[in-house]
Amino acid sequence: MATGIGVEVGWAESAWQRRIVDVRPLTGGWTSTMSTLTGDDGDRAVLRLMTKEPWRRHAAGLLAREATVQQQLDGSPIPAPRSIALDLSGTAAGAPAHLMSWLPGRLRLDSATDDVLATLAQTLVDIHHFEPGRNRPRDYQSWAPPSKRVMSPWMRRPELWSRAFELLEQPAPDYAGRFLHRDFHLGNLLWSRGRISGVVDWVETSWGPADLDVAHASTYLAMLHGIEASVRFTDAYRRRTDACRDEDRFRYWNVMDIVGYLPDPVKVVQPWRDSGLDISDDLARGRLEQRLEHVLRAG
């Protein structure tokens, strides 16, 4: 076993059936502790430990879902990791754990060129076209429950947020169910040679409206690169689908996603700074509010 490493590596060695000679932390996430493991044969794997609340409390369901989805996607055009082993209770690994295959590539957070957005859009279309058969994932869950619909001191346009909260009090629009990643954004994509080499983090995979995935990626882009990038991505996605453009429905799912970042979107900003980007908390907050204004007036 690699020296100075905890029980999680001992579990991984047993499950993976090889001695681990190197462990390197991965940055960019905020729900789990992620590491790259290197075996004595040179092969690599990724270890996810659910160490942070409230995700640790729900780890068994989240990790089991991720493993199931990875098994379903094996052999599909979608470049997802392959599940190797699970410790849902954390008894052996010290925390709920998922060991999965390593994929090549790196994060590409610093670019929102048309080529990047086109690739992003096509990948999301491919995900939405995936047919899971009888073993559909759970129905989507809103990340904007009433408990999040509160005013925060950083908000400069409280009237916008009041309108958003009122909109979410209405029943959700009808939708055609699709296979959703549910947390699709640049922070969960690996790139190699100008192509997406890996789509990771499948713990929230759901069945629901495609617009919700589009909205989530668009909100992330807006906070990372500004409103214009989010609009170009949405347009790129729509050009690749035959879906009717219903602005009222699209507005609802976008507002649901935006409100889901409350009470403060800064939780996603630190991983960006860890990756070398210079984005302040206030800039991200302001861009989120600008996106809400754009969404509410669209159409």
Protein backbone atom coordinates (compact mmCIF):
# COMPACT_ATOMS: atom_id res chain seq x y z
CA MET A 1 0.00 0.00 0.00
CA ALA A 2 1.14 3.59 -0.59
CA THR A 3 2.66 4.91 2.60
CA GLY A 4 0.87 7.44 4.79
CA ILE A 5 -2.54 6.67 3.28
CA GLY A 6 -5.74 5.85 5.14
CA VAL A 7 -8.13 2.94 5.20
CA GLU A 8 -9.87 4.09 2.01
CA VAL A 9 -6.82 3.10 -0.02
CA GLY A 10 -6.67 -0.29 1.68
CA TRP A 11 -10.28 -0.84 0.64
CA ALA A 12 -9.53 0.35 -2.89
CA GLU A 13 -6.55 -2.00 -3.17
CA SER A 14 -8.69 -4.95 -2.16
CA ALA A 15 -11.53 -4.01 -4.51
CA TRP A 16 -9.23 -3.14 -7.41
CA GLN A 17 -6.89 -6.09 -6.80
CA ARG A 18 -3.66 -4.18 -7.23
CA ARG A 19 -1.23 -2.32 -4.99
CA ILE A 20 -1.65 1.45 -5.04
CA VAL A 21 1.60 3.36 -5.38
CA ASP A 22 0.35 6.94 -5.72
CA VAL A 23 -2.65 8.98 -4.55
CA ARG A 24 -3.32 12.48 -5.86
CA PRO A 25 -6.20 14.76 -4.84
CA LEU A 26 -8.50 16.12 -7.53
CA THR A 27 -9.81 19.68 -7.33
CA GLY A 28 -12.90 21.27 -8.81
CA GLY A 29 -15.72 19.65 -6.83
CA TRP A 30 -17.46 20.56 -3.61
CA THR A 31 -19.68 17.59 -2.71
CA SER A 32 -17.04 14.87 -2.33
CA THR A 33 -13.36 14.20 -1.74
CA MET A 34 -11.91 12.95 -5.04
CA SER A 35 -8.54 11.30 -5.67
CA THR A 36 -6.69 9.69 -8.56
CA LEU A 37 -5.13 6.35 -7.64
CA THR A 38 -2.24 4.78 -9.54
CA GLY A 39 -1.69 1.04 -9.33
CA ASP A 40 1.63 -0.77 -9.43
CA ASP A 41 0.82 -1.81 -13.00
CA GLY A 42 0.48 1.84 -14.09
CA ASP A 43 -3.30 1.70 -14.39
CA ARG A 44 -5.30 4.51 -12.80
CA ALA A 45 -8.67 4.83 -11.08
CA VAL A 46 -10.69 7.56 -9.37
CA LEU A 47 -11.96 7.29 -5.81
CA ARG A 48 -14.96 9.30 -4.67
CA LEU A 49 -15.49 9.59 -0.91
CA MET A 50 -18.74 11.15 0.31
CA THR A 51 -17.22 13.03 3.22
CA LYS A 52 -19.29 16.22 3.15
CA GLU A 53 -22.78 16.85 4.48
CA PRO A 54 -25.58 16.74 3.52
CA TRP A 55 -24.39 14.45 0.72
CA ARG A 56 -22.82 11.94 3.10
CA ARG A 57 -26.21 11.47 4.74
CA HIS A 58 -27.67 10.45 1.37
CA ALA A 59 -24.53 8.73 0.08
CA ALA A 60 -25.97 5.24 -0.30
CA GLY A 61 -28.61 6.38 -2.78
CA LEU A 62 -26.32 8.80 -4.61
CA LEU A 63 -23.44 6.39 -5.10
CA ALA A 64 -25.65 3.44 -6.00
CA ARG A 65 -27.34 5.62 -8.63
CA GLU A 66 -23.99 6.73 -10.05
CA ALA A 67 -22.76 3.13 -10.32
CA THR A 68 -26.00 2.00 -12.00
CA VAL A 69 -25.88 4.82 -14.53
CA GLN A 70 -22.24 4.13 -15.36
CA GLN A 71 -23.12 0.49 -16.00
CA GLN A 72 -26.00 1.56 -18.25
CA LEU A 73 -23.80 3.94 -20.24
CA ASP A 74 -21.03 1.39 -20.78
CA GLY A 75 -20.78 0.91 -24.54
CA SER A 76 -22.80 4.04 -25.34
CA PRO A 77 -21.36 7.07 -27.21
CA ILE A 78 -21.32 8.98 -23.93
CA PRO A 79 -17.80 8.88 -22.40
CA ALA A 80 -18.63 8.05 -18.79
CA PRO A 81 -16.39 6.30 -16.24
CA ARG A 82 -16.89 2.60 -15.49
CA SER A 83 -17.90 1.57 -11.98
CA ILE A 84 -15.37 -0.74 -10.27
CA ALA A 85 -16.54 -1.06 -6.66
CA LEU A 86 -18.85 0.46 -4.03
CA ASP A 87 -18.80 0.77 -0.26
CA LEU A 88 -22.20 2.36 0.34
CA SER A 89 -22.01 2.33 4.14
CA GLY A 90 -18.39 3.42 4.40
CA THR A 91 -17.65 0.57 6.80
CA ALA A 92 -14.57 -0.62 4.92
CA ALA A 93 -13.41 2.63 3.29
CA GLY A 94 -13.99 4.94 6.26
CA ALA A 95 -16.62 6.91 4.31
CA PRO A 96 -19.16 5.96 1.64
CA ALA A 97 -17.02 5.28 -1.43
CA HIS A 98 -17.19 4.69 -5.15
CA LEU A 99 -14.17 3.45 -7.07
CA MET A 100 -14.41 4.03 -10.82
CA SER A 101 -12.23 4.00 -13.90
CA TRP A 102 -10.00 6.97 -14.71
CA LEU A 103 -10.63 8.94 -17.89
CA PRO A 104 -8.06 11.08 -19.71
CA GLY A 105 -8.43 14.83 -20.09
CA ARG A 106 -8.64 18.00 -18.07
CA LEU A 107 -11.20 20.59 -17.10
CA ARG A 108 -11.65 23.46 -19.53
CA LEU A 109 -13.31 26.20 -17.52
CA ASP A 110 -11.58 29.16 -19.14
CA SER A 111 -13.18 29.02 -22.60
CA ALA A 112 -16.66 29.63 -24.00
CA THR A 113 -15.83 29.81 -27.71
CA ASP A 114 -18.42 28.72 -30.26
CA ASP A 115 -16.54 25.43 -30.75
CA VAL A 116 -16.62 24.68 -27.02
CA LEU A 117 -20.31 25.52 -26.72
CA ALA A 118 -21.20 23.49 -29.81
CA THR A 119 -19.42 20.44 -28.39
CA LEU A 120 -21.10 21.01 -25.05
CA ALA A 121 -24.53 21.23 -26.68
CA GLN A 122 -24.06 18.10 -28.81
CA THR A 123 -22.92 16.08 -25.79
CA LEU A 124 -26.01 17.12 -23.87
CA VAL A 125 -28.23 16.20 -26.83
CA ASP A 126 -26.58 12.75 -26.88
CA ILE A 127 -27.30 12.31 -23.17
CA HIS A 128 -30.95 13.27 -23.63
CA HIS A 129 -31.27 10.77 -26.50
CA PHE A 130 -29.99 7.89 -24.36
CA GLU A 131 -32.69 5.28 -23.70
CA PRO A 132 -32.25 3.54 -20.33
CA GLY A 133 -34.96 1.00 -21.06
CA ARG A 134 -37.05 -0.21 -18.14
CA ASN A 135 -34.46 0.84 -15.59
CA ARG A 136 -35.15 4.56 -15.71
CA PRO A 137 -33.51 6.77 -13.09
CA ARG A 138 -35.68 8.47 -10.48
CA ASP A 139 -37.84 11.44 -11.43
CA TYR A 140 -36.05 14.78 -11.17
CA GLN A 141 -36.10 16.68 -7.89
CA SER A 142 -36.33 20.45 -7.65
CA TRP A 143 -33.31 22.14 -6.09
CA ALA A 144 -35.43 25.22 -5.42
CA PRO A 145 -37.80 24.20 -2.60
CA PRO A 146 -39.70 26.91 -0.62
CA SER A 147 -36.93 26.95 1.99
CA LYS A 148 -34.56 28.45 -0.62
CA ARG A 149 -36.96 31.16 -1.76
CA VAL A 150 -35.68 33.82 0.61
CA MET A 151 -34.08 37.21 0.11
CA SER A 152 -30.35 37.50 0.76
CA PRO A 153 -28.37 40.66 1.62
CA TRP A 154 -26.29 40.44 -1.59
CA MET A 155 -29.33 40.78 -3.87
CA ARG A 156 -29.51 44.15 -5.66
CA ARG A 157 -32.82 43.54 -7.45
CA PRO A 158 -35.18 42.00 -4.88
CA GLU A 159 -38.17 42.60 -7.15
CA LEU A 160 -36.69 40.12 -9.64
CA TRP A 161 -36.39 37.47 -6.99
CA SER A 162 -39.94 38.11 -5.80
CA ARG A 163 -41.16 37.45 -9.35
CA ALA A 164 -39.06 34.29 -9.49
CA PHE A 165 -40.51 33.00 -6.22
CA GLU A 166 -44.05 33.72 -7.42
CA LEU A 167 -43.42 31.84 -10.66
CA LEU A 168 -42.25 28.75 -8.78
CA GLU A 169 -45.46 28.72 -6.75
CA GLN A 170 -47.24 27.72 -9.96
CA PRO A 171 -47.53 24.05 -10.96
CA ALA A 172 -44.62 22.76 -13.03
CA PRO A 173 -45.31 22.66 -16.80
CA ASP A 174 -45.98 19.40 -18.59
CA TYR A 175 -42.91 17.87 -20.18
CA ALA A 176 -41.70 14.91 -22.21
CA GLY A 177 -39.39 12.89 -19.99
CA ARG A 178 -35.75 12.53 -20.96
CA PHE A 179 -32.62 10.96 -19.49
CA LEU A 180 -30.95 13.82 -17.57
CA HIS A 181 -27.42 14.15 -16.26
CA ARG A 182 -28.96 16.71 -13.89
CA ASP A 183 -25.64 18.39 -13.02
CA PHE A 184 -24.29 19.00 -16.51
CA HIS A 185 -21.81 21.88 -16.75
CA LEU A 186 -18.19 22.64 -17.64
CA GLY A 187 -17.01 21.55 -14.21
CA ASN A 188 -18.11 17.97 -14.89
CA LEU A 189 -16.51 17.60 -18.32
CA LEU A 190 -13.02 16.44 -19.25
CA TRP A 191 -11.45 17.56 -22.52
CA SER A 192 -8.70 16.05 -24.63
CA ARG A 193 -7.56 17.19 -28.11
CA GLY A 194 -10.52 19.52 -28.47
CA ARG A 195 -13.12 16.87 -27.67
CA ILE A 196 -15.00 15.87 -24.52
CA SER A 197 -13.20 12.78 -23.24
CA GLY A 198 -15.23 12.31 -20.08
CA VAL A 199 -18.59 13.21 -18.56
CA VAL A 200 -18.37 12.68 -14.80
CA ASP A 201 -20.46 13.03 -11.63
CA TRP A 202 -23.60 10.98 -12.31
CA VAL A 203 -24.95 10.92 -8.74
CA GLU A 204 -27.95 13.16 -9.55
CA THR A 205 -29.01 11.47 -12.81
CA SER A 206 -32.77 11.76 -13.22
CA TRP A 207 -35.73 11.47 -15.56
CA GLY A 208 -37.31 14.80 -16.40
CA PRO A 209 -37.50 17.81 -18.75
CA ALA A 210 -34.51 18.30 -21.05
CA ASP A 211 -34.87 22.05 -20.47
CA LEU A 212 -33.78 21.56 -16.86
CA ASP A 213 -30.38 20.22 -17.95
CA VAL A 214 -30.05 23.02 -20.50
CA ALA A 215 -30.93 25.58 -17.84
CA HIS A 216 -28.34 24.24 -15.40
CA ALA A 217 -25.52 24.33 -17.93
CA SER A 218 -26.63 27.83 -19.00
CA THR A 219 -26.68 29.21 -15.46
CA TYR A 220 -23.21 27.83 -14.81
CA LEU A 221 -21.94 29.41 -18.03
CA ALA A 222 -23.55 32.74 -17.14
CA MET A 223 -21.78 32.90 -13.78
CA LEU A 224 -18.50 31.70 -15.28
CA HIS A 225 -18.43 33.65 -18.57
CA GLY A 226 -21.41 36.02 -18.62
CA ILE A 227 -24.93 36.12 -20.02
CA GLU A 228 -23.88 36.09 -23.67
CA ALA A 229 -22.18 32.69 -23.30
CA SER A 230 -25.30 31.19 -21.75
CA VAL A 231 -27.46 32.48 -24.61
CA ARG A 232 -25.11 31.09 -27.26
CA PHE A 233 -25.12 27.69 -25.56
CA THR A 234 -28.92 27.61 -25.37
CA ASP A 235 -29.13 28.50 -29.06
CA ALA A 236 -26.57 25.80 -29.92
CA TYR A 237 -28.61 23.18 -28.09
CA ARG A 238 -31.87 24.24 -29.70
CA ARG A 239 -30.37 24.08 -33.19
CA ARG A 240 -29.66 20.40 -32.55
CA THR A 241 -33.17 19.41 -31.44
CA ASP A 242 -36.62 19.38 -32.93
CA ALA A 243 -38.29 20.52 -29.72
CA CYS A 244 -40.88 23.28 -30.01
CA ARG A 245 -39.73 26.53 -28.46
CA ASP A 246 -42.08 27.25 -25.59
CA GLU A 247 -40.70 30.29 -23.77
CA ASP A 248 -43.09 30.01 -20.81
CA ARG A 249 -41.98 26.45 -20.07
CA PHE A 250 -38.33 27.24 -20.66
CA ARG A 251 -38.61 30.23 -18.34
CA TYR A 252 -40.02 28.09 -15.54
CA TRP A 253 -37.19 25.52 -15.68
CA ASN A 254 -34.57 28.27 -15.90
CA VAL A 255 -35.98 30.07 -12.88
CA MET A 256 -36.08 26.78 -10.96
CA ASP A 257 -32.39 26.26 -11.69
CA ILE A 258 -31.38 29.83 -10.82
CA VAL A 259 -33.23 29.80 -7.50
CA GLY A 260 -31.55 26.48 -6.74
CA TYR A 261 -28.28 28.37 -6.21
CA LEU A 262 -29.72 30.32 -3.28
CA PRO A 263 -29.14 31.47 -0.63
CA ASP A 264 -25.72 32.24 -2.16
CA PRO A 265 -24.05 30.96 -5.33
CA VAL A 266 -20.55 31.38 -3.91
CA LYS A 267 -20.37 27.68 -3.07
CA VAL A 268 -19.45 27.01 -6.73
CA VAL A 269 -16.93 29.85 -7.04
CA GLN A 270 -14.05 28.54 -4.92
CA PRO A 271 -13.45 25.50 -7.17
CA TRP A 272 -13.15 27.94 -10.08
CA ARG A 273 -10.52 29.92 -8.20
CA ASP A 274 -8.77 26.65 -7.28
CA SER A 275 -8.53 26.03 -11.02
CA GLY A 276 -6.84 29.40 -11.56
CA LEU A 277 -9.76 31.60 -12.62
CA ASP A 278 -10.12 35.09 -11.16
CA ILE A 279 -13.83 35.28 -10.37
CA SER A 280 -14.97 37.05 -7.22
CA ASP A 281 -17.99 36.14 -5.14
CA ASP A 282 -19.64 39.44 -6.04
CA LEU A 283 -19.08 38.89 -9.76
CA ALA A 284 -20.75 35.47 -9.62
CA ARG A 285 -23.66 36.87 -7.60
CA GLY A 286 -24.14 39.75 -10.01
CA ARG A 287 -24.06 37.46 -13.03
CA LEU A 288 -26.64 35.14 -11.45
CA GLU A 289 -28.96 38.08 -10.92
CA GLN A 290 -28.35 39.29 -14.49
CA ARG A 291 -29.27 35.85 -15.77
CA LEU A 292 -32.49 35.91 -13.77
CA GLU A 293 -33.37 39.30 -15.30
CA HIS A 294 -32.65 37.97 -18.79
CA VAL A 295 -34.74 34.83 -18.25
CA LEU A 296 -37.72 36.69 -16.81
CA ARG A 297 -37.91 39.08 -19.74
CA ALA A 298 -37.21 36.49 -22.44
CA GLY A 299 -40.05 36.00 -24.90
